[in-house]
Amino acid sequence: RDEHCPTISFTIKEQEIPSVVIYGGSGVNVISEATCVILGLQEWEPCPFHLRMADTNAVHPLGLIPKLPVWIGGELFEISVVVLRLSEQGWYPLLLGCPWLQAAAIKQH
């Protein structure tokens, strides 16, 4: 876990999720399996692709949740997230990558 990555909090299913990591180096938005359990998100679509992780390992996501409604800064976004089983040591509830950064028109300085 990179303690220098920016984080935000947002709301899914009326529950605030703190410390959501924003990482422009990710080509997908990621949600942990543990967060899905906490939120009661049990229906996932099969994920048709593998991911190459930062450590170069290829992993197959547990599933894909398209159009997950989330509230960020008072604005509603429908984001697609891939579900991954993450070790507790590197655990984060959710990671917002390039797809959300582009949809939200976030610009880097």
N, C-alpha and C. Protein backbone atom coordinates (compact mmCIF):
# COMPACT_ATOMS: atom_id res chain seq x y z
N ARG A 1 0.84 -1.18 0.00
CA ARG A 1 0.00 0.00 0.00
C ARG A 1 0.88 1.23 0.00
N ASP A 2 0.64 2.12 -0.93
CA ASP A 2 1.40 3.36 -1.05
C ASP A 2 0.71 4.44 -0.22
N GLU A 3 1.33 4.82 0.88
CA GLU A 3 0.73 5.82 1.78
C GLU A 3 0.72 7.22 1.17
N HIS A 4 1.36 7.39 0.01
CA HIS A 4 1.42 8.71 -0.63
C HIS A 4 0.35 8.91 -1.70
N CYS A 5 -0.40 7.86 -2.02
CA CYS A 5 -1.48 7.99 -3.00
C CYS A 5 -2.61 8.82 -2.39
N PRO A 6 -3.20 9.70 -3.19
CA PRO A 6 -4.34 10.46 -2.66
C PRO A 6 -5.52 9.54 -2.39
N THR A 7 -6.32 9.89 -1.40
CA THR A 7 -7.51 9.13 -1.07
C THR A 7 -8.69 10.07 -0.90
N ILE A 8 -9.88 9.55 -1.10
CA ILE A 8 -11.11 10.28 -0.86
C ILE A 8 -12.08 9.33 -0.16
N SER A 9 -13.18 9.87 0.30
CA SER A 9 -14.24 9.00 0.80
C SER A 9 -15.46 9.22 -0.07
N PHE A 10 -16.28 8.19 -0.19
CA PHE A 10 -17.52 8.34 -0.93
C PHE A 10 -18.54 7.35 -0.42
N THR A 11 -19.72 7.41 -1.00
CA THR A 11 -20.85 6.62 -0.50
C THR A 11 -21.32 5.62 -1.54
N ILE A 12 -21.48 4.38 -1.09
CA ILE A 12 -22.08 3.30 -1.88
C ILE A 12 -23.20 2.72 -1.04
N LYS A 13 -24.39 2.61 -1.61
CA LYS A 13 -25.52 2.00 -0.91
C LYS A 13 -25.71 2.64 0.48
N GLU A 14 -25.64 3.95 0.52
CA GLU A 14 -25.84 4.73 1.75
C GLU A 14 -24.80 4.45 2.83
N GLN A 15 -23.68 3.87 2.47
CA GLN A 15 -22.61 3.62 3.43
C GLN A 15 -21.35 4.34 2.98
N GLU A 16 -20.77 5.15 3.87
CA GLU A 16 -19.56 5.88 3.53
C GLU A 16 -18.37 4.94 3.52
N ILE A 17 -17.57 5.05 2.47
CA ILE A 17 -16.37 4.25 2.32
C ILE A 17 -15.18 5.21 2.44
N PRO A 18 -14.41 5.13 3.53
CA PRO A 18 -13.26 6.02 3.68
C PRO A 18 -12.03 5.47 2.96
N SER A 19 -11.09 6.31 2.73
CA SER A 19 -9.77 5.92 2.21
C SER A 19 -9.83 5.17 0.89
N VAL A 20 -10.63 5.68 -0.04
CA VAL A 20 -10.65 5.13 -1.40
C VAL A 20 -9.43 5.70 -2.12
N VAL A 21 -8.60 4.82 -2.63
CA VAL A 21 -7.35 5.21 -3.27
C VAL A 21 -7.62 5.70 -4.68
N ILE A 22 -6.99 6.81 -5.06
CA ILE A 22 -7.04 7.31 -6.43
C ILE A 22 -5.67 7.06 -7.04
N TYR A 23 -5.64 6.29 -8.12
CA TYR A 23 -4.36 5.93 -8.72
C TYR A 23 -4.48 5.96 -10.25
N GLY A 24 -3.90 6.97 -10.84
CA GLY A 24 -3.97 7.14 -12.29
C GLY A 24 -3.20 6.11 -13.08
N GLY A 25 -2.40 5.27 -12.39
CA GLY A 25 -1.66 4.23 -13.08
C GLY A 25 -2.46 2.96 -13.29
N SER A 26 -3.69 2.94 -12.83
CA SER A 26 -4.53 1.76 -12.98
C SER A 26 -5.50 1.94 -14.15
N GLY A 27 -5.56 0.94 -15.00
CA GLY A 27 -6.47 0.99 -16.14
C GLY A 27 -7.90 0.57 -15.80
N VAL A 28 -8.13 0.17 -14.55
CA VAL A 28 -9.46 -0.25 -14.10
C VAL A 28 -9.73 0.31 -12.71
N ASN A 29 -11.01 0.35 -12.35
CA ASN A 29 -11.41 0.62 -10.97
C ASN A 29 -11.51 -0.74 -10.30
N VAL A 30 -11.06 -0.82 -9.04
CA VAL A 30 -10.99 -2.11 -8.34
C VAL A 30 -11.73 -2.01 -7.01
N ILE A 31 -12.50 -3.05 -6.70
CA ILE A 31 -13.13 -3.18 -5.39
C ILE A 31 -12.67 -4.51 -4.79
N SER A 32 -12.40 -4.50 -3.49
CA SER A 32 -11.97 -5.74 -2.85
C SER A 32 -13.17 -6.64 -2.58
N GLU A 33 -12.90 -7.92 -2.57
CA GLU A 33 -13.94 -8.89 -2.25
C GLU A 33 -14.50 -8.60 -0.85
N ALA A 34 -13.63 -8.23 0.09
CA ALA A 34 -14.07 -7.95 1.46
C ALA A 34 -15.04 -6.77 1.50
N THR A 35 -14.80 -5.75 0.69
CA THR A 35 -15.72 -4.60 0.63
C THR A 35 -17.05 -5.03 0.05
N CYS A 36 -17.02 -5.89 -0.96
CA CYS A 36 -18.28 -6.40 -1.53
C CYS A 36 -19.10 -7.13 -0.46
N VAL A 37 -18.44 -7.92 0.36
CA VAL A 37 -19.14 -8.65 1.43
C VAL A 37 -19.76 -7.66 2.40
N ILE A 38 -19.00 -6.65 2.82
CA ILE A 38 -19.50 -5.64 3.76
C ILE A 38 -20.72 -4.92 3.20
N LEU A 39 -20.68 -4.61 1.90
CA LEU A 39 -21.76 -3.85 1.26
C LEU A 39 -22.91 -4.73 0.76
N GLY A 40 -22.75 -6.03 0.83
CA GLY A 40 -23.80 -6.93 0.34
C GLY A 40 -23.85 -6.98 -1.18
N LEU A 41 -22.74 -6.69 -1.84
CA LEU A 41 -22.66 -6.77 -3.30
C LEU A 41 -22.28 -8.20 -3.66
N GLN A 42 -23.28 -9.00 -4.02
CA GLN A 42 -23.04 -10.41 -4.22
C GLN A 42 -23.18 -10.86 -5.66
N GLU A 43 -23.73 -10.01 -6.51
CA GLU A 43 -23.93 -10.43 -7.90
C GLU A 43 -22.92 -9.75 -8.80
N TRP A 44 -22.02 -10.56 -9.32
CA TRP A 44 -20.98 -10.08 -10.22
C TRP A 44 -21.14 -10.77 -11.56
N GLU A 45 -20.74 -10.08 -12.59
CA GLU A 45 -20.66 -10.70 -13.91
C GLU A 45 -19.30 -11.37 -14.03
N PRO A 46 -19.20 -12.38 -14.88
CA PRO A 46 -17.88 -12.94 -15.15
C PRO A 46 -16.99 -11.86 -15.77
N CYS A 47 -15.74 -11.88 -15.40
CA CYS A 47 -14.79 -10.90 -15.94
C CYS A 47 -14.07 -11.52 -17.13
N PRO A 48 -14.15 -10.91 -18.30
CA PRO A 48 -13.60 -11.53 -19.51
C PRO A 48 -12.10 -11.29 -19.73
N PHE A 49 -11.41 -10.73 -18.74
CA PHE A 49 -9.99 -10.42 -18.94
C PHE A 49 -9.18 -10.68 -17.68
N HIS A 50 -7.87 -10.75 -17.85
CA HIS A 50 -6.92 -10.84 -16.75
C HIS A 50 -6.33 -9.46 -16.51
N LEU A 51 -5.81 -9.25 -15.32
CA LEU A 51 -5.13 -8.00 -15.00
C LEU A 51 -3.66 -8.27 -14.75
N ARG A 52 -2.82 -7.34 -15.16
CA ARG A 52 -1.40 -7.40 -14.86
C ARG A 52 -1.19 -6.47 -13.68
N MET A 53 -0.78 -7.02 -12.56
CA MET A 53 -0.59 -6.24 -11.34
C MET A 53 0.75 -5.50 -11.37
N ALA A 54 0.93 -4.59 -10.43
CA ALA A 54 2.16 -3.80 -10.38
C ALA A 54 3.40 -4.68 -10.20
N ASP A 55 3.23 -5.83 -9.53
CA ASP A 55 4.36 -6.75 -9.35
C ASP A 55 4.55 -7.69 -10.54
N THR A 56 3.86 -7.41 -11.64
CA THR A 56 3.88 -8.12 -12.93
C THR A 56 3.14 -9.45 -12.93
N ASN A 57 2.55 -9.86 -11.82
CA ASN A 57 1.74 -11.08 -11.80
C ASN A 57 0.43 -10.84 -12.53
N ALA A 58 -0.01 -11.86 -13.26
CA ALA A 58 -1.32 -11.80 -13.91
C ALA A 58 -2.34 -12.44 -12.98
N VAL A 59 -3.48 -11.77 -12.79
CA VAL A 59 -4.54 -12.32 -11.95
C VAL A 59 -5.85 -12.26 -12.73
N HIS A 60 -6.71 -13.22 -12.44
CA HIS A 60 -8.04 -13.19 -13.03
C HIS A 60 -9.00 -12.67 -11.96
N PRO A 61 -9.67 -11.55 -12.22
CA PRO A 61 -10.61 -11.01 -11.23
C PRO A 61 -11.71 -12.01 -10.90
N LEU A 62 -12.26 -11.87 -9.70
CA LEU A 62 -13.36 -12.72 -9.28
C LEU A 62 -14.63 -12.40 -10.04
N GLY A 63 -14.74 -11.15 -10.49
CA GLY A 63 -15.93 -10.73 -11.22
C GLY A 63 -15.85 -9.27 -11.62
N LEU A 64 -16.92 -8.82 -12.22
CA LEU A 64 -17.03 -7.46 -12.71
C LEU A 64 -18.39 -6.92 -12.30
N ILE A 65 -18.41 -5.72 -11.74
CA ILE A 65 -19.67 -5.06 -11.41
C ILE A 65 -19.77 -3.82 -12.30
N PRO A 66 -20.61 -3.88 -13.33
CA PRO A 66 -20.77 -2.71 -14.19
C PRO A 66 -21.77 -1.73 -13.58
N LYS A 67 -21.54 -0.47 -13.79
CA LYS A 67 -22.48 0.59 -13.39
C LYS A 67 -22.84 0.57 -11.91
N LEU A 68 -21.83 0.49 -11.06
CA LEU A 68 -22.04 0.58 -9.62
C LEU A 68 -22.26 2.04 -9.26
N PRO A 69 -23.43 2.40 -8.70
CA PRO A 69 -23.68 3.81 -8.37
C PRO A 69 -22.92 4.22 -7.11
N VAL A 70 -22.12 5.27 -7.22
CA VAL A 70 -21.37 5.81 -6.08
C VAL A 70 -21.54 7.32 -6.05
N TRP A 71 -21.57 7.87 -4.84
CA TRP A 71 -21.65 9.31 -4.65
C TRP A 71 -20.29 9.82 -4.23
N ILE A 72 -19.75 10.74 -5.01
CA ILE A 72 -18.44 11.34 -4.72
C ILE A 72 -18.60 12.85 -4.78
N GLY A 73 -18.33 13.51 -3.67
CA GLY A 73 -18.43 14.97 -3.64
C GLY A 73 -19.80 15.49 -4.03
N GLY A 74 -20.85 14.76 -3.65
CA GLY A 74 -22.22 15.18 -3.96
C GLY A 74 -22.65 14.88 -5.38
N GLU A 75 -21.82 14.20 -6.17
CA GLU A 75 -22.15 13.88 -7.56
C GLU A 75 -22.25 12.36 -7.71
N LEU A 76 -23.26 11.91 -8.47
CA LEU A 76 -23.45 10.49 -8.72
C LEU A 76 -22.65 10.05 -9.92
N PHE A 77 -21.90 8.96 -9.74
CA PHE A 77 -21.16 8.33 -10.83
C PHE A 77 -21.59 6.87 -10.89
N GLU A 78 -21.65 6.31 -12.07
CA GLU A 78 -21.84 4.88 -12.24
C GLU A 78 -20.52 4.35 -12.76
N ILE A 79 -19.83 3.61 -11.90
CA ILE A 79 -18.51 3.12 -12.27
C ILE A 79 -18.54 1.61 -12.43
N SER A 80 -17.72 1.12 -13.32
CA SER A 80 -17.51 -0.32 -13.44
C SER A 80 -16.29 -0.66 -12.60
N VAL A 81 -16.41 -1.73 -11.81
CA VAL A 81 -15.30 -2.15 -10.95
C VAL A 81 -15.04 -3.63 -11.13
N VAL A 82 -13.78 -4.00 -11.06
CA VAL A 82 -13.42 -5.41 -11.05
C VAL A 82 -13.22 -5.81 -9.60
N VAL A 83 -13.68 -7.01 -9.28
CA VAL A 83 -13.60 -7.53 -7.92
C VAL A 83 -12.35 -8.40 -7.80
N LEU A 84 -11.51 -8.05 -6.82
CA LEU A 84 -10.28 -8.81 -6.57
C LEU A 84 -10.24 -9.29 -5.13
N ARG A 85 -9.66 -10.46 -4.94
CA ARG A 85 -9.36 -10.93 -3.58
C ARG A 85 -8.00 -10.35 -3.24
N LEU A 86 -7.97 -9.50 -2.22
CA LEU A 86 -6.74 -8.82 -1.84
C LEU A 86 -6.28 -9.31 -0.47
N SER A 87 -4.97 -9.42 -0.30
CA SER A 87 -4.45 -9.82 1.01
C SER A 87 -4.72 -8.71 2.02
N GLU A 88 -4.89 -9.07 3.26
CA GLU A 88 -5.18 -8.08 4.29
C GLU A 88 -4.06 -7.07 4.43
N GLN A 89 -2.83 -7.47 4.17
CA GLN A 89 -1.69 -6.57 4.33
C GLN A 89 -1.77 -5.40 3.35
N GLY A 90 -2.16 -5.66 2.12
CA GLY A 90 -2.24 -4.60 1.12
C GLY A 90 -3.66 -4.15 0.85
N TRP A 91 -4.56 -4.42 1.78
CA TRP A 91 -5.98 -4.21 1.57
C TRP A 91 -6.34 -2.74 1.48
N TYR A 92 -7.20 -2.44 0.55
CA TYR A 92 -7.87 -1.16 0.45
C TYR A 92 -9.29 -1.45 0.01
N PRO A 93 -10.27 -0.60 0.39
CA PRO A 93 -11.65 -0.94 0.06
C PRO A 93 -11.95 -0.81 -1.42
N LEU A 94 -11.36 0.20 -2.04
CA LEU A 94 -11.66 0.46 -3.44
C LEU A 94 -10.55 1.32 -4.02
N LEU A 95 -10.27 1.14 -5.29
CA LEU A 95 -9.27 1.94 -5.98
C LEU A 95 -9.93 2.53 -7.22
N LEU A 96 -9.83 3.84 -7.36
CA LEU A 96 -10.34 4.51 -8.55
C LEU A 96 -9.17 4.75 -9.49
N GLY A 97 -9.27 4.23 -10.70
CA GLY A 97 -8.22 4.36 -11.69
C GLY A 97 -8.60 5.30 -12.81
N CYS A 98 -7.93 5.13 -13.94
CA CYS A 98 -8.15 6.01 -15.11
C CYS A 98 -9.60 6.11 -15.56
N PRO A 99 -10.38 5.01 -15.56
CA PRO A 99 -11.77 5.16 -16.03
C PRO A 99 -12.55 6.21 -15.24
N TRP A 100 -12.40 6.23 -13.91
CA TRP A 100 -13.12 7.25 -13.12
C TRP A 100 -12.48 8.62 -13.31
N LEU A 101 -11.17 8.70 -13.34
CA LEU A 101 -10.50 9.99 -13.53
C LEU A 101 -10.96 10.66 -14.82
N GLN A 102 -11.11 9.88 -15.88
CA GLN A 102 -11.57 10.42 -17.15
C GLN A 102 -13.04 10.81 -17.09
N ALA A 103 -13.88 9.97 -16.49
CA ALA A 103 -15.32 10.27 -16.40
C ALA A 103 -15.57 11.52 -15.56
N ALA A 104 -14.75 11.71 -14.52
CA ALA A 104 -14.92 12.86 -13.65
C ALA A 104 -14.19 14.10 -14.16
N ALA A 105 -13.49 13.96 -15.29
CA ALA A 105 -12.72 15.05 -15.89
C ALA A 105 -11.70 15.63 -14.91
N ILE A 106 -11.00 14.73 -14.18
CA ILE A 106 -9.97 15.13 -13.24
C ILE A 106 -8.71 15.47 -14.04
N LYS A 107 -8.12 16.58 -13.72
CA LYS A 107 -6.88 17.00 -14.40
C LYS A 107 -5.74 17.02 -13.39
N GLN A 108 -4.58 16.50 -13.81
CA GLN A 108 -3.40 16.52 -12.95
C GLN A 108 -2.68 17.85 -13.13
N HIS A 109 -2.09 18.31 -12.05
CA HIS A 109 -1.30 19.56 -12.09
C HIS A 109 0.16 19.26 -12.14
